[in-house]
Amino acid sequence: MTEHAAQHSLHPLPSRPLRIAAAQAQAEAGDVEANVATVAAMVQDAARAGARLVVFPEKLSG
């Protein structure tokens, strides 16, 4: 076992599950402000639903 593996095997698993939200949105081409507002609203909604991680498509900023 490597030193790195040994160090990480000593840490307990997280005490709560990690809820992940996958978001899908239509980007407004060239309107970064609108796209950021959309992302912010979707992150807030996901957080209210218990998500601790939200993933978006790679080209959403427009």
C-alpha atoms as a PDB file:
ATOM      1  CA  MET A   1       0.000   0.000   0.000  1.00  0.00           C
ATOM      2  CA  THR A   2       1.367   3.417  -0.912  1.00  0.00           C
ATOM      3  CA  GLU A   3       1.700   6.149   1.697  1.00  0.00           C
ATOM      4  CA  HIS A   4      -1.051   8.125  -0.047  1.00  0.00           C
ATOM      5  CA  ALA A   5      -3.441   5.156   0.044  1.00  0.00           C
ATOM      6  CA  ALA A   6      -2.624   4.491   3.679  1.00  0.00           C
ATOM      7  CA  GLN A   7      -3.432   8.081   4.655  1.00  0.00           C
ATOM      8  CA  HIS A   8      -6.784   8.030   2.893  1.00  0.00           C
ATOM      9  CA  SER A   9      -7.804   4.655   4.278  1.00  0.00           C
ATOM     10  CA  LEU A  10      -7.782   6.171   7.768  1.00  0.00           C
ATOM     11  CA  HIS A  11     -10.503   8.715   6.997  1.00  0.00           C
ATOM     12  CA  PRO A  12     -14.084   7.673   7.690  1.00  0.00           C
ATOM     13  CA  LEU A  13     -16.732   7.901   5.013  1.00  0.00           C
ATOM     14  CA  PRO A  14     -18.853  11.062   4.975  1.00  0.00           C
ATOM     15  CA  SER A  15     -21.529  11.059   7.639  1.00  0.00           C
ATOM     16  CA  ARG A  16     -24.254  12.089   5.203  1.00  0.00           C
ATOM     17  CA  PRO A  17     -24.960  11.176   1.589  1.00  0.00           C
ATOM     18  CA  LEU A  18     -23.953  13.502  -1.216  1.00  0.00           C
ATOM     19  CA  ARG A  19     -27.056  14.498  -3.168  1.00  0.00           C
ATOM     20  CA  ILE A  20     -26.160  15.593  -6.698  1.00  0.00           C
ATOM     21  CA  ALA A  21     -28.407  17.520  -9.094  1.00  0.00           C
ATOM     22  CA  ALA A  22     -27.897  17.355 -12.852  1.00  0.00           C
ATOM     23  CA  ALA A  23     -29.216  20.548 -14.429  1.00  0.00           C
ATOM     24  CA  GLN A  24     -30.325  21.085 -17.991  1.00  0.00           C
ATOM     25  CA  ALA A  25     -30.882  24.572 -19.349  1.00  0.00           C
ATOM     26  CA  GLN A  26     -31.042  26.324 -22.687  1.00  0.00           C
ATOM     27  CA  ALA A  27     -28.261  28.930 -22.944  1.00  0.00           C
ATOM     28  CA  GLU A  28     -29.067  32.324 -24.395  1.00  0.00           C
ATOM     29  CA  ALA A  29     -26.320  32.832 -26.993  1.00  0.00           C
ATOM     30  CA  GLY A  30     -24.202  35.853 -26.124  1.00  0.00           C
ATOM     31  CA  ASP A  31     -26.219  36.775 -23.005  1.00  0.00           C
ATOM     32  CA  VAL A  32     -23.884  35.833 -20.196  1.00  0.00           C
ATOM     33  CA  GLU A  33     -25.862  37.842 -17.626  1.00  0.00           C
ATOM     34  CA  ALA A  34     -29.083  35.942 -18.375  1.00  0.00           C
ATOM     35  CA  ASN A  35     -27.256  32.614 -18.341  1.00  0.00           C
ATOM     36  CA  VAL A  36     -25.653  33.376 -14.972  1.00  0.00           C
ATOM     37  CA  ALA A  37     -29.062  34.334 -13.569  1.00  0.00           C
ATOM     38  CA  THR A  38     -30.484  31.041 -14.832  1.00  0.00           C
ATOM     39  CA  VAL A  39     -27.651  29.059 -13.263  1.00  0.00           C
ATOM     40  CA  ALA A  40     -27.990  30.931  -9.948  1.00  0.00           C
ATOM     41  CA  ALA A  41     -31.730  30.237  -9.784  1.00  0.00           C
ATOM     42  CA  MET A  42     -31.229  26.561 -10.624  1.00  0.00           C
ATOM     43  CA  VAL A  43     -28.517  26.200  -7.969  1.00  0.00           C
ATOM     44  CA  GLN A  44     -30.807  27.772  -5.360  1.00  0.00           C
ATOM     45  CA  ASP A  45     -33.647  25.415  -6.320  1.00  0.00           C
ATOM     46  CA  ALA A  46     -31.359  22.390  -6.172  1.00  0.00           C
ATOM     47  CA  ALA A  47     -29.962  23.453  -2.793  1.00  0.00           C
ATOM     48  CA  ARG A  48     -33.485  23.846  -1.398  1.00  0.00           C
ATOM     49  CA  ALA A  49     -34.151  20.289  -2.593  1.00  0.00           C
ATOM     50  CA  GLY A  50     -31.085  19.066  -0.686  1.00  0.00           C
ATOM     51  CA  ALA A  51     -28.411  18.986  -3.393  1.00  0.00           C
ATOM     52  CA  ARG A  52     -24.857  19.747  -2.314  1.00  0.00           C
ATOM     53  CA  LEU A  53     -23.435  19.522  -5.841  1.00  0.00           C
ATOM     54  CA  VAL A  54     -25.045  20.778  -9.053  1.00  0.00           C
ATOM     55  CA  VAL A  55     -23.615  19.944 -12.478  1.00  0.00           C
ATOM     56  CA  PHE A  56     -24.355  21.853 -15.675  1.00  0.00           C
ATOM     57  CA  PRO A  57     -23.575  21.392 -19.363  1.00  0.00           C
ATOM     58  CA  GLU A  58     -20.110  22.647 -20.280  1.00  0.00           C
ATOM     59  CA  LYS A  59     -21.285  25.394 -22.662  1.00  0.00           C
ATOM     60  CA  LEU A  60     -24.000  27.103 -20.673  1.00  0.00           C
ATOM     61  CA  SER A  61     -22.368  30.510 -20.167  1.00  0.00           C
ATOM     62  CA  GLY A  62     -23.020  31.505 -23.792  1.00  0.00           C
END
